[in-house]
C-alpha atoms as a PDB file:
ATOM      1  CA  MET A   1     -43.207   1.841 -11.298  1.00  0.00           C
ATOM      2  CA  ASP A   2     -41.886   5.162 -11.423  1.00  0.00           C
ATOM      3  CA  THR A   3     -38.480   6.309 -12.749  1.00  0.00           C
ATOM      4  CA  LYS A   4     -37.146   7.750  -9.639  1.00  0.00           C
ATOM      5  CA  LYS A   5     -38.536   4.730  -7.392  1.00  0.00           C
ATOM      6  CA  VAL A   6     -36.704   2.045  -9.493  1.00  0.00           C
ATOM      7  CA  ILE A   7     -33.218   4.194  -9.465  1.00  0.00           C
ATOM      8  CA  ASN A   8     -33.703   4.215  -5.429  1.00  0.00           C
ATOM      9  CA  ARG A   9     -34.470   0.349  -5.480  1.00  0.00           C
ATOM     10  CA  ILE A  10     -31.180  -0.106  -7.565  1.00  0.00           C
ATOM     11  CA  LEU A  11     -29.241   2.471  -4.976  1.00  0.00           C
ATOM     12  CA  LEU A  12     -30.482   0.022  -2.432  1.00  0.00           C
ATOM     13  CA  ILE A  13     -29.818  -3.241  -3.579  1.00  0.00           C
ATOM     14  CA  THR A  14     -26.141  -1.604  -4.899  1.00  0.00           C
ATOM     15  CA  GLY A  15     -25.748  -0.753  -1.127  1.00  0.00           C
ATOM     16  CA  PHE A  16     -26.695  -3.879   0.705  1.00  0.00           C
ATOM     17  CA  PHE A  17     -24.671  -6.099  -2.320  1.00  0.00           C
ATOM     18  CA  ILE A  18     -21.670  -4.113  -1.539  1.00  0.00           C
ATOM     19  CA  LEU A  19     -21.863  -4.899   2.373  1.00  0.00           C
ATOM     20  CA  ILE A  20     -21.897  -8.553   1.401  1.00  0.00           C
ATOM     21  CA  LEU A  21     -19.116  -8.066  -0.607  1.00  0.00           C
ATOM     22  CA  PHE A  22     -17.012  -5.974   1.504  1.00  0.00           C
ATOM     23  CA  LEU A  23     -17.588  -8.546   4.341  1.00  0.00           C
ATOM     24  CA  THR A  24     -16.829 -11.563   2.595  1.00  0.00           C
ATOM     25  CA  THR A  25     -13.390  -9.844   1.140  1.00  0.00           C
ATOM     26  CA  VAL A  26     -11.511  -8.038   3.964  1.00  0.00           C
ATOM     27  CA  ASP A  27     -10.013  -9.902   7.046  1.00  0.00           C
ATOM     28  CA  PHE A  28     -10.984  -7.623   9.770  1.00  0.00           C
ATOM     29  CA  LYS A  29      -8.747  -9.234  12.245  1.00  0.00           C
ATOM     30  CA  GLN A  30      -5.635  -8.651  10.293  1.00  0.00           C
ATOM     31  CA  GLY A  31      -6.641  -5.564   9.276  1.00  0.00           C
ATOM     32  CA  LEU A  32      -7.069  -4.113  12.983  1.00  0.00           C
ATOM     33  CA  LEU A  33      -3.943  -5.608  14.210  1.00  0.00           C
ATOM     34  CA  SER A  34      -1.866  -3.683  11.429  1.00  0.00           C
ATOM     35  CA  ILE A  35      -3.391  -0.378  12.286  1.00  0.00           C
ATOM     36  CA  LYS A  36      -2.920  -0.622  15.797  1.00  0.00           C
ATOM     37  CA  GLN A  37       1.071  -0.512  15.378  1.00  0.00           C
ATOM     38  CA  LEU A  38       1.112   3.167  13.422  1.00  0.00           C
ATOM     39  CA  GLY A  39      -0.326   4.822  17.034  1.00  0.00           C
ATOM     40  CA  ILE A  40      -0.578   8.611  16.491  1.00  0.00           C
ATOM     41  CA  MET A  41       0.470   8.621  12.743  1.00  0.00           C
ATOM     42  CA  LEU A  42      -2.819   6.739  12.131  1.00  0.00           C
ATOM     43  CA  ILE A  43      -4.441  10.298  12.511  1.00  0.00           C
ATOM     44  CA  ALA A  44      -2.139  11.899   9.779  1.00  0.00           C
ATOM     45  CA  LEU A  45      -2.992   9.242   7.460  1.00  0.00           C
ATOM     46  CA  LEU A  46      -6.888   9.432   8.004  1.00  0.00           C
ATOM     47  CA  ALA A  47      -6.421  12.899   7.797  1.00  0.00           C
ATOM     48  CA  LEU A  48      -4.755  12.406   4.149  1.00  0.00           C
ATOM     49  CA  VAL A  49      -7.662  10.505   3.008  1.00  0.00           C
ATOM     50  CA  PHE A  50     -10.222  12.716   3.983  1.00  0.00           C
ATOM     51  CA  LEU A  51      -8.241  15.328   2.111  1.00  0.00           C
ATOM     52  CA  ASN A  52      -7.956  13.083  -0.801  1.00  0.00           C
ATOM     53  CA  LEU A  53     -11.695  12.738  -0.878  1.00  0.00           C
ATOM     54  CA  LEU A  54     -12.142  16.448  -0.563  1.00  0.00           C
ATOM     55  CA  VAL A  55     -10.202  17.380  -3.103  1.00  0.00           C
ATOM     56  CA  LYS A  56     -12.076  14.583  -5.623  1.00  0.00           C
ATOM     57  CA  ALA A  57     -15.285  16.001  -4.343  1.00  0.00           C
ATOM     58  CA  TRP A  58     -14.280  19.774  -5.675  1.00  0.00           C
ATOM     59  CA  ARG A  59     -13.442  18.120  -8.621  1.00  0.00           C
ATOM     60  CA  TRP A  60     -16.624  16.569  -9.525  1.00  0.00           C
ATOM     61  CA  LYS A  61     -18.409  19.793  -8.340  1.00  0.00           C
ATOM     62  CA  ILE A  62     -16.522  21.373 -10.820  1.00  0.00           C
ATOM     63  CA  LEU A  63     -17.100  19.128 -13.636  1.00  0.00           C
ATOM     64  CA  LEU A  64     -20.980  18.885 -13.024  1.00  0.00           C
ATOM     65  CA  GLN A  65     -21.364  22.388 -12.918  1.00  0.00           C
ATOM     66  CA  LYS A  66     -19.229  22.830 -16.279  1.00  0.00           C
ATOM     67  CA  VAL A  67     -21.132  20.044 -17.830  1.00  0.00           C
ATOM     68  CA  THR A  68     -24.963  20.252 -16.496  1.00  0.00           C
ATOM     69  CA  MET A  69     -24.864  24.327 -15.198  1.00  0.00           C
ATOM     70  CA  ILE A  70     -26.291  22.407 -11.598  1.00  0.00           C
ATOM     71  CA  ASN A  71     -24.195  24.006  -9.049  1.00  0.00           C
ATOM     72  CA  ILE A  72     -24.389  20.807  -6.271  1.00  0.00           C
ATOM     73  CA  HIS A  73     -23.708  21.135  -2.381  1.00  0.00           C
ATOM     74  CA  LEU A  74     -19.912  20.369  -1.581  1.00  0.00           C
ATOM     75  CA  PRO A  75     -21.307  17.890   1.138  1.00  0.00           C
ATOM     76  CA  PHE A  76     -23.289  16.064  -1.366  1.00  0.00           C
ATOM     77  CA  SER A  77     -20.486  15.701  -3.578  1.00  0.00           C
ATOM     78  CA  PHE A  78     -18.204  14.319  -0.847  1.00  0.00           C
ATOM     79  CA  LYS A  79     -20.703  11.648  -0.185  1.00  0.00           C
ATOM     80  CA  SER A  80     -21.221  10.888  -3.775  1.00  0.00           C
ATOM     81  CA  ILE A  81     -17.591  10.248  -4.289  1.00  0.00           C
ATOM     82  CA  ILE A  82     -17.273   7.882  -1.377  1.00  0.00           C
ATOM     83  CA  ALA A  83     -20.561   5.979  -2.599  1.00  0.00           C
ATOM     84  CA  GLY A  84     -18.573   5.753  -6.031  1.00  0.00           C
ATOM     85  CA  VAL A  85     -15.947   3.872  -4.304  1.00  0.00           C
ATOM     86  CA  ALA A  86     -18.120   1.638  -3.315  1.00  0.00           C
ATOM     87  CA  ALA A  87     -20.304   0.763  -6.489  1.00  0.00           C
ATOM     88  CA  GLY A  88     -17.297   0.812  -8.599  1.00  0.00           C
ATOM     89  CA  SER A  89     -16.272  -2.507  -6.192  1.00  0.00           C
ATOM     90  CA  PHE A  90     -18.087  -4.547  -8.305  1.00  0.00           C
ATOM     91  CA  VAL A  91     -18.120  -3.363 -11.805  1.00  0.00           C
ATOM     92  CA  PRO A  92     -15.358  -4.629 -14.194  1.00  0.00           C
ATOM     93  CA  GLY A  93     -12.642  -1.495 -14.874  1.00  0.00           C
ATOM     94  CA  ARG A  94     -14.095   0.763 -11.796  1.00  0.00           C
ATOM     95  CA  ILE A  95     -16.911   1.688 -14.248  1.00  0.00           C
ATOM     96  CA  GLU A  96     -19.668   3.167 -11.661  1.00  0.00           C
ATOM     97  CA  LEU A  97     -23.169   4.300 -12.040  1.00  0.00           C
ATOM     98  CA  ALA A  98     -23.668   5.805  -8.581  1.00  0.00           C
ATOM     99  CA  LYS A  99     -22.651   9.084  -8.965  1.00  0.00           C
ATOM    100  CA  PRO A 100     -25.079   9.222 -12.393  1.00  0.00           C
ATOM    101  CA  LEU A 101     -27.715   7.664 -10.267  1.00  0.00           C
ATOM    102  CA  LEU A 102     -27.544  10.072  -7.633  1.00  0.00           C
ATOM    103  CA  MET A 103     -27.685  12.829  -9.736  1.00  0.00           C
ATOM    104  CA  LYS A 104     -30.634  11.691 -11.168  1.00  0.00           C
ATOM    105  CA  SER A 105     -32.436  11.058  -8.274  1.00  0.00           C
ATOM    106  CA  HIS A 106     -31.480  14.160  -6.262  1.00  0.00           C
ATOM    107  CA  TYR A 107     -31.140  16.781  -9.138  1.00  0.00           C
ATOM    108  CA  ASN A 108     -32.914  15.175 -11.919  1.00  0.00           C
ATOM    109  CA  VAL A 109     -29.885  15.510 -14.223  1.00  0.00           C
ATOM    110  CA  PRO A 110     -30.102  13.210 -17.317  1.00  0.00           C
ATOM    111  CA  ILE A 111     -27.777   9.976 -16.399  1.00  0.00           C
ATOM    112  CA  SER A 112     -25.877  10.827 -19.847  1.00  0.00           C
ATOM    113  CA  HIS A 113     -24.893  14.388 -18.613  1.00  0.00           C
ATOM    114  CA  SER A 114     -23.423  12.795 -15.292  1.00  0.00           C
ATOM    115  CA  LEU A 115     -21.834   9.996 -17.439  1.00  0.00           C
ATOM    116  CA  SER A 116     -19.900  12.985 -19.902  1.00  0.00           C
ATOM    117  CA  ALA A 117     -18.487  14.140 -16.488  1.00  0.00           C
ATOM    118  CA  LEU A 118     -17.571  10.879 -15.284  1.00  0.00           C
ATOM    119  CA  GLY A 119     -15.717   9.897 -18.081  1.00  0.00           C
ATOM    120  CA  ILE A 120     -13.878  13.196 -18.030  1.00  0.00           C
ATOM    121  CA  GLU A 121     -13.188  11.939 -14.388  1.00  0.00           C
ATOM    122  CA  ARG A 122     -11.779   8.704 -15.394  1.00  0.00           C
ATOM    123  CA  VAL A 123      -9.677  10.132 -18.314  1.00  0.00           C
ATOM    124  CA  LEU A 124      -7.833  12.784 -15.792  1.00  0.00           C
ATOM    125  CA  ASP A 125      -7.407  10.225 -13.015  1.00  0.00           C
ATOM    126  CA  LEU A 126      -5.657   8.098 -15.840  1.00  0.00           C
ATOM    127  CA  PHE A 127      -3.875  10.524 -17.336  1.00  0.00           C
ATOM    128  CA  SER A 128      -2.607  11.421 -13.593  1.00  0.00           C
ATOM    129  CA  LEU A 129      -1.543   8.116 -12.795  1.00  0.00           C
ATOM    130  CA  LEU A 130       0.650   6.990 -15.945  1.00  0.00           C
ATOM    131  CA  LEU A 131       2.326  10.478 -15.830  1.00  0.00           C
ATOM    132  CA  ILE A 132       3.278   9.775 -12.697  1.00  0.00           C
ATOM    133  CA  ALA A 133       4.462   6.238 -13.241  1.00  0.00           C
ATOM    134  CA  LEU A 134       6.143   7.767 -16.090  1.00  0.00           C
ATOM    135  CA  LEU A 135       8.077  10.712 -14.289  1.00  0.00           C
ATOM    136  CA  THR A 136       8.898   8.391 -11.205  1.00  0.00           C
ATOM    137  CA  PHE A 137       9.915   5.856 -13.548  1.00  0.00           C
ATOM    138  CA  GLY A 138      13.245   7.437 -14.096  1.00  0.00           C
ATOM    139  CA  PHE A 139      14.332   7.403 -10.698  1.00  0.00           C
ATOM    140  CA  ILE A 140      14.212   3.638  -9.344  1.00  0.00           C
ATOM    141  CA  PRO A 141      16.681   1.582  -9.406  1.00  0.00           C
ATOM    142  CA  ALA A 142      15.184  -1.403 -11.316  1.00  0.00           C
ATOM    143  CA  GLN A 143      14.078  -0.385 -14.490  1.00  0.00           C
ATOM    144  CA  LYS A 144      13.098  -3.490 -15.946  1.00  0.00           C
ATOM    145  CA  ILE A 145       9.684  -3.939 -14.168  1.00  0.00           C
ATOM    146  CA  LEU A 146       7.968  -2.093 -17.173  1.00  0.00           C
ATOM    147  CA  PRO A 147       9.935  -1.155 -20.070  1.00  0.00           C
ATOM    148  CA  GLN A 148       9.603   2.726 -20.256  1.00  0.00           C
ATOM    149  CA  GLU A 149       8.359   2.574 -23.837  1.00  0.00           C
ATOM    150  CA  ILE A 150       5.051   1.053 -23.071  1.00  0.00           C
ATOM    151  CA  LEU A 151       4.551   3.525 -20.197  1.00  0.00           C
ATOM    152  CA  TRP A 152       5.037   6.133 -22.835  1.00  0.00           C
ATOM    153  CA  ILE A 153       2.743   4.526 -25.924  1.00  0.00           C
ATOM    154  CA  LEU A 154      -0.141   4.375 -22.860  1.00  0.00           C
ATOM    155  CA  VAL A 155       0.320   8.188 -22.233  1.00  0.00           C
ATOM    156  CA  LEU A 156       0.488   8.616 -25.850  1.00  0.00           C
ATOM    157  CA  LEU A 157      -2.627   6.666 -26.689  1.00  0.00           C
ATOM    158  CA  LEU A 158      -4.788   8.007 -23.727  1.00  0.00           C
ATOM    159  CA  ILE A 159      -3.766  11.616 -24.762  1.00  0.00           C
ATOM    160  CA  THR A 160      -4.770  11.181 -28.584  1.00  0.00           C
ATOM    161  CA  GLY A 161      -7.596   9.406 -27.771  1.00  0.00           C
ATOM    162  CA  THR A 162      -8.932  12.269 -25.349  1.00  0.00           C
ATOM    163  CA  MET A 163      -7.615  14.669 -27.627  1.00  0.00           C
ATOM    164  CA  MET A 164      -9.522  13.436 -30.921  1.00  0.00           C
ATOM    165  CA  VAL A 165     -13.087  13.227 -28.700  1.00  0.00           C
ATOM    166  CA  VAL A 166     -12.347  16.896 -27.514  1.00  0.00           C
ATOM    167  CA  PHE A 167     -11.953  18.319 -31.244  1.00  0.00           C
ATOM    168  CA  PHE A 168     -13.519  15.841 -33.386  1.00  0.00           C
ATOM    169  CA  PRO A 169     -16.467  14.464 -31.156  1.00  0.00           C
ATOM    170  CA  GLN A 170     -18.761  14.301 -34.734  1.00  0.00           C
ATOM    171  CA  SER A 171     -16.276  11.446 -35.801  1.00  0.00           C
ATOM    172  CA  PHE A 172     -16.870   9.197 -32.504  1.00  0.00           C
ATOM    173  CA  ILE A 173     -20.142  10.105 -32.205  1.00  0.00           C
ATOM    174  CA  THR A 174     -20.616   8.705 -36.063  1.00  0.00           C
ATOM    175  CA  ILE A 175     -19.142   5.655 -35.276  1.00  0.00           C
ATOM    176  CA  PHE A 176     -20.943   4.913 -32.298  1.00  0.00           C
ATOM    177  CA  SER A 177     -24.239   5.459 -33.874  1.00  0.00           C
ATOM    178  CA  LYS A 178     -23.642   3.032 -36.551  1.00  0.00           C
ATOM    179  CA  ILE A 179     -22.560   0.369 -33.876  1.00  0.00           C
ATOM    180  CA  ILE A 180     -25.611   1.398 -32.011  1.00  0.00           C
ATOM    181  CA  LYS A 181     -27.786   1.003 -35.348  1.00  0.00           C
ATOM    182  CA  HIS A 182     -26.676  -2.497 -36.190  1.00  0.00           C
ATOM    183  CA  LEU A 183     -27.451  -3.626 -32.641  1.00  0.00           C
ATOM    184  CA  PRO A 184     -30.648  -5.845 -32.319  1.00  0.00           C
ATOM    185  CA  GLY A 185     -33.344  -4.476 -30.323  1.00  0.00           C
ATOM    186  CA  PRO A 186     -36.290  -2.284 -30.476  1.00  0.00           C
ATOM    187  CA  GLN A 187     -35.626   0.852 -32.654  1.00  0.00           C
ATOM    188  CA  THR A 188     -36.696   3.316 -29.771  1.00  0.00           C
ATOM    189  CA  ILE A 189     -34.098   2.043 -27.222  1.00  0.00           C
ATOM    190  CA  LYS A 190     -30.979   2.292 -30.054  1.00  0.00           C
ATOM    191  CA  GLU A 191     -32.232   5.644 -30.711  1.00  0.00           C
ATOM    192  CA  ARG A 192     -32.352   6.887 -27.202  1.00  0.00           C
ATOM    193  CA  GLY A 193     -29.032   4.989 -26.846  1.00  0.00           C
ATOM    194  CA  MET A 194     -27.467   7.235 -29.786  1.00  0.00           C
ATOM    195  CA  LYS A 195     -28.637  10.209 -28.207  1.00  0.00           C
ATOM    196  CA  ALA A 196     -27.011   9.090 -24.780  1.00  0.00           C
ATOM    197  CA  VAL A 197     -23.551   8.614 -26.380  1.00  0.00           C
ATOM    198  CA  GLN A 198     -24.127  12.055 -28.678  1.00  0.00           C
ATOM    199  CA  GLU A 199     -24.560  13.621 -25.281  1.00  0.00           C
ATOM    200  CA  MET A 200     -21.680  11.945 -23.650  1.00  0.00           C
ATOM    201  CA  ILE A 201     -18.983  12.699 -25.932  1.00  0.00           C
ATOM    202  CA  GLU A 202     -20.234  16.161 -26.571  1.00  0.00           C
ATOM    203  CA  GLY A 203     -19.471  16.966 -22.740  1.00  0.00           C
ATOM    204  CA  PHE A 204     -15.869  16.184 -23.484  1.00  0.00           C
ATOM    205  CA  THR A 205     -15.867  19.373 -25.477  1.00  0.00           C
ATOM    206  CA  ILE A 206     -15.510  21.425 -22.702  1.00  0.00           C
ATOM    207  CA  LEU A 207     -11.845  20.299 -22.080  1.00  0.00           C
ATOM    208  CA  LYS A 208     -11.288  22.752 -25.144  1.00  0.00           C
ATOM    209  CA  ASN A 209     -10.772  25.313 -22.627  1.00  0.00           C
ATOM    210  CA  LYS A 210      -7.464  25.613 -21.814  1.00  0.00           C
ATOM    211  CA  SER A 211      -7.723  27.089 -18.254  1.00  0.00           C
ATOM    212  CA  PHE A 212     -10.591  24.428 -17.144  1.00  0.00           C
ATOM    213  CA  LEU A 213      -8.405  21.506 -18.296  1.00  0.00           C
ATOM    214  CA  SER A 214      -5.324  23.028 -16.905  1.00  0.00           C
ATOM    215  CA  GLY A 215      -7.139  23.321 -13.655  1.00  0.00           C
ATOM    216  CA  MET A 216      -8.626  20.339 -13.543  1.00  0.00           C
ATOM    217  CA  ILE A 217      -5.589  18.414 -14.318  1.00  0.00           C
ATOM    218  CA  LEU A 218      -3.776  20.066 -11.363  1.00  0.00           C
ATOM    219  CA  LEU A 219      -6.789  18.578  -9.019  1.00  0.00           C
ATOM    220  CA  SER A 220      -6.488  15.403 -10.404  1.00  0.00           C
ATOM    221  CA  PHE A 221      -2.524  15.695 -10.004  1.00  0.00           C
ATOM    222  CA  LEU A 222      -3.112  17.027  -6.078  1.00  0.00           C
ATOM    223  CA  ALA A 223      -5.328  14.147  -5.649  1.00  0.00           C
ATOM    224  CA  ASN A 224      -3.332  11.374  -6.797  1.00  0.00           C
ATOM    225  CA  GLY A 225      -0.447  13.101  -4.887  1.00  0.00           C
ATOM    226  CA  ILE A 226      -2.006  13.190  -1.847  1.00  0.00           C
ATOM    227  CA  GLU A 227      -2.468   9.702  -2.026  1.00  0.00           C
ATOM    228  CA  VAL A 228       1.222   8.946  -2.740  1.00  0.00           C
ATOM    229  CA  LEU A 229       2.149  11.071   0.203  1.00  0.00           C
ATOM    230  CA  ARG A 230       0.012   9.191   2.443  1.00  0.00           C
ATOM    231  CA  PHE A 231       1.409   5.739   1.013  1.00  0.00           C
ATOM    232  CA  TYR A 232       5.142   7.364   1.615  1.00  0.00           C
ATOM    233  CA  LEU A 233       4.836   8.338   5.110  1.00  0.00           C
ATOM    234  CA  LEU A 234       2.844   4.912   5.987  1.00  0.00           C
ATOM    235  CA  LEU A 235       5.905   3.016   4.729  1.00  0.00           C
ATOM    236  CA  MET A 236       8.188   5.240   6.499  1.00  0.00           C
ATOM    237  CA  ALA A 237       6.411   4.934   9.541  1.00  0.00           C
ATOM    238  CA  LEU A 238       6.822   1.141   9.504  1.00  0.00           C
ATOM    239  CA  GLY A 239      10.327   1.165   9.072  1.00  0.00           C
ATOM    240  CA  ILE A 240      10.435   0.425   5.064  1.00  0.00           C
ATOM    241  CA  ASP A 241      13.245   2.472   3.603  1.00  0.00           C
ATOM    242  CA  SER A 242      11.705   3.723   0.349  1.00  0.00           C
ATOM    243  CA  SER A 243      11.797   6.735  -1.849  1.00  0.00           C
ATOM    244  CA  LEU A 244       8.902   9.289  -2.576  1.00  0.00           C
ATOM    245  CA  THR A 245       9.760   8.517  -6.367  1.00  0.00           C
ATOM    246  CA  ILE A 246       9.780   4.360  -5.523  1.00  0.00           C
ATOM    247  CA  THR A 247       6.339   4.972  -3.566  1.00  0.00           C
ATOM    248  CA  GLY A 248       4.829   7.063  -6.588  1.00  0.00           C
ATOM    249  CA  PHE A 249       5.835   4.317  -9.221  1.00  0.00           C
ATOM    250  CA  VAL A 250       4.215   1.563  -6.856  1.00  0.00           C
ATOM    251  CA  PHE A 251       0.899   3.431  -5.985  1.00  0.00           C
ATOM    252  CA  ALA A 252       0.709   4.304  -9.649  1.00  0.00           C
ATOM    253  CA  SER A 253       1.454   1.072 -11.201  1.00  0.00           C
ATOM    254  CA  SER A 254      -0.337  -0.773  -8.855  1.00  0.00           C
ATOM    255  CA  ILE A 255      -3.669   0.938  -9.541  1.00  0.00           C
ATOM    256  CA  ILE A 256      -3.452   0.803 -13.168  1.00  0.00           C
ATOM    257  CA  ILE A 257      -2.575  -2.740 -13.625  1.00  0.00           C
ATOM    258  CA  GLY A 258      -5.934  -3.349 -11.344  1.00  0.00           C
ATOM    259  CA  VAL A 259      -7.914  -1.273 -13.622  1.00  0.00           C
ATOM    260  CA  LEU A 260      -6.259  -3.076 -16.774  1.00  0.00           C
ATOM    261  CA  THR A 261      -7.451  -6.459 -15.229  1.00  0.00           C
ATOM    262  CA  MET A 262     -11.074  -5.390 -15.019  1.00  0.00           C
ATOM    263  CA  ILE A 263     -11.149  -6.972 -11.662  1.00  0.00           C
ATOM    264  CA  PRO A 264     -14.010  -4.916  -9.734  1.00  0.00           C
ATOM    265  CA  GLY A 265     -12.402  -2.266  -7.335  1.00  0.00           C
ATOM    266  CA  GLY A 266      -8.680  -3.873  -8.345  1.00  0.00           C
ATOM    267  CA  ILE A 267      -9.574  -6.219  -5.133  1.00  0.00           C
ATOM    268  CA  GLY A 268      -6.428  -8.401  -4.667  1.00  0.00           C
ATOM    269  CA  ILE A 269      -4.390  -7.411  -7.884  1.00  0.00           C
ATOM    270  CA  THR A 270      -3.973  -4.070  -6.687  1.00  0.00           C
ATOM    271  CA  GLU A 271      -2.679  -5.587  -3.507  1.00  0.00           C
ATOM    272  CA  LEU A 272      -0.443  -7.810  -4.945  1.00  0.00           C
ATOM    273  CA  SER A 273       0.912  -5.916  -7.740  1.00  0.00           C
ATOM    274  CA  ALA A 274       2.273  -3.459  -4.825  1.00  0.00           C
ATOM    275  CA  VAL A 275       3.632  -6.089  -3.029  1.00  0.00           C
ATOM    276  CA  GLY A 276       5.565  -7.274  -5.580  1.00  0.00           C
ATOM    277  CA  ILE A 277       6.777  -4.159  -7.094  1.00  0.00           C
ATOM    278  CA  LEU A 278       7.420  -2.531  -3.865  1.00  0.00           C
ATOM    279  CA  GLY A 279       9.059  -6.075  -2.735  1.00  0.00           C
ATOM    280  CA  ALA A 280      11.432  -5.636  -6.051  1.00  0.00           C
ATOM    281  CA  LEU A 281      12.479  -1.962  -4.766  1.00  0.00           C
ATOM    282  CA  VAL A 282      13.085  -2.128  -1.527  1.00  0.00           C
ATOM    283  CA  HIS A 283      15.141  -4.442   0.758  1.00  0.00           C
ATOM    284  CA  SER A 284      12.561  -4.674   3.419  1.00  0.00           C
ATOM    285  CA  GLY A 285      10.717  -7.982   4.564  1.00  0.00           C
ATOM    286  CA  GLU A 286       7.679  -9.295   2.619  1.00  0.00           C
ATOM    287  CA  GLY A 287       5.977  -9.256   5.784  1.00  0.00           C
ATOM    288  CA  VAL A 288       6.198  -5.390   6.726  1.00  0.00           C
ATOM    289  CA  ILE A 289       5.718  -4.909   3.292  1.00  0.00           C
ATOM    290  CA  LYS A 290       2.428  -6.738   2.853  1.00  0.00           C
ATOM    291  CA  THR A 291       1.388  -5.543   6.244  1.00  0.00           C
ATOM    292  CA  ALA A 292       1.943  -1.602   4.785  1.00  0.00           C
ATOM    293  CA  VAL A 293       0.005  -2.772   1.808  1.00  0.00           C
ATOM    294  CA  LEU A 294      -2.702  -3.479   3.782  1.00  0.00           C
ATOM    295  CA  ILE A 295      -3.106  -0.908   6.316  1.00  0.00           C
ATOM    296  CA  ASP A 296      -3.127   1.470   3.145  1.00  0.00           C
ATOM    297  CA  ARG A 297      -5.889  -0.236   1.360  1.00  0.00           C
ATOM    298  CA  PHE A 298      -7.595  -1.018   4.488  1.00  0.00           C
ATOM    299  CA  MET A 299      -7.845   3.320   5.189  1.00  0.00           C
ATOM    300  CA  ALA A 300      -8.189   4.236   1.699  1.00  0.00           C
ATOM    301  CA  TYR A 301     -10.240   1.661  -0.122  1.00  0.00           C
ATOM    302  CA  TYR A 302     -12.104  -0.736   2.047  1.00  0.00           C
ATOM    303  CA  VAL A 303     -13.229   1.556   4.934  1.00  0.00           C
ATOM    304  CA  LEU A 304     -14.620   3.620   2.231  1.00  0.00           C
ATOM    305  CA  LEU A 305     -15.941   0.814   0.455  1.00  0.00           C
ATOM    306  CA  LEU A 306     -18.172   0.266   3.429  1.00  0.00           C
ATOM    307  CA  ILE A 307     -18.699   3.520   4.034  1.00  0.00           C
ATOM    308  CA  GLY A 308     -20.010   4.016   0.704  1.00  0.00           C
ATOM    309  CA  ALA A 309     -22.571   1.250   0.612  1.00  0.00           C
ATOM    310  CA  ILE A 310     -23.702   2.888   4.056  1.00  0.00           C
ATOM    311  CA  ILE A 311     -24.205   6.115   2.483  1.00  0.00           C
ATOM    312  CA  LEU A 312     -25.826   4.505  -0.933  1.00  0.00           C
ATOM    313  CA  ILE A 313     -28.519   3.138   1.568  1.00  0.00           C
ATOM    314  CA  LEU A 314     -28.997   6.145   3.582  1.00  0.00           C
ATOM    315  CA  LEU A 315     -29.357   8.782   0.362  1.00  0.00           C
ATOM    316  CA  SER A 316     -31.800   6.055  -1.301  1.00  0.00           C
ATOM    317  CA  ASN A 317     -33.494   5.744   2.024  1.00  0.00           C
ATOM    318  CA  LYS A 318     -33.615   9.722   2.341  1.00  0.00           C
ATOM    319  CA  ARG A 319     -34.867  10.118  -1.480  1.00  0.00           C
ATOM    320  CA  GLU A 320     -37.843   7.590  -1.206  1.00  0.00           C
ATOM    321  CA  LYS A 321     -39.089   9.316   2.137  1.00  0.00           C
END
């Protein structure tokens, strides 16, 4: 079977699988009842969800252009971002191949090149989340939730690892090549694996450009800042007395915890973390806090999960035709 047809089949199966996953993990009744409580504020919150996706789509477009020298259309980048949210919801650690597969299927870009851009995107997101958690930590009333030293260590490890990949890519390529070389399997497959790793790691060298790196960091902070603002406005609308710094810490910490647990999409653990941390920092009742967290996740994640699954199916069918 042709490689592109195989990719299309994978995208199609992925889309249907995510639809099933969505139906089995979301409480539609509770979600709809909670959303109705917001009234007109819901429009503003949904606008912020759209704005966040637009910023991420613009960042993905710039990253791909820098790595692959291909200028993709912004609408395609926008749909790819939503599809990526869905695809990352059943793979541990939010690692997803939807965007690289879509680039291969629609623009014939080698998957290793797109994976390099995807790796940079993930590092930027984690870096900005860690810094948000670190910067807001000093302003929250209860600092016993997580020692500040741990946050500093995580940030330093992330910065050090990224700088090593950027400025000493050959060292990482040598290490991974040795690992792949000793793995069982046909030599041709191992050679392809080594080539893919080399291309992916070499893609990080684009971060040596200071203006480009600054722009990417700025877009990453802007994207996560919009999400913090959305969550803050939601808490205010539901009468939860939370400051912007507390909201930023709760949002960043719950997302990081969801990633670290390696649970696909952070489903369940992200919500529980947000409820637990927010409940420890504010004096509102547990019921209204759970409602707020559910609404935010429903708008910014579960709805996108559903839409992303549909996009995967439609893009796959369109490419097939």
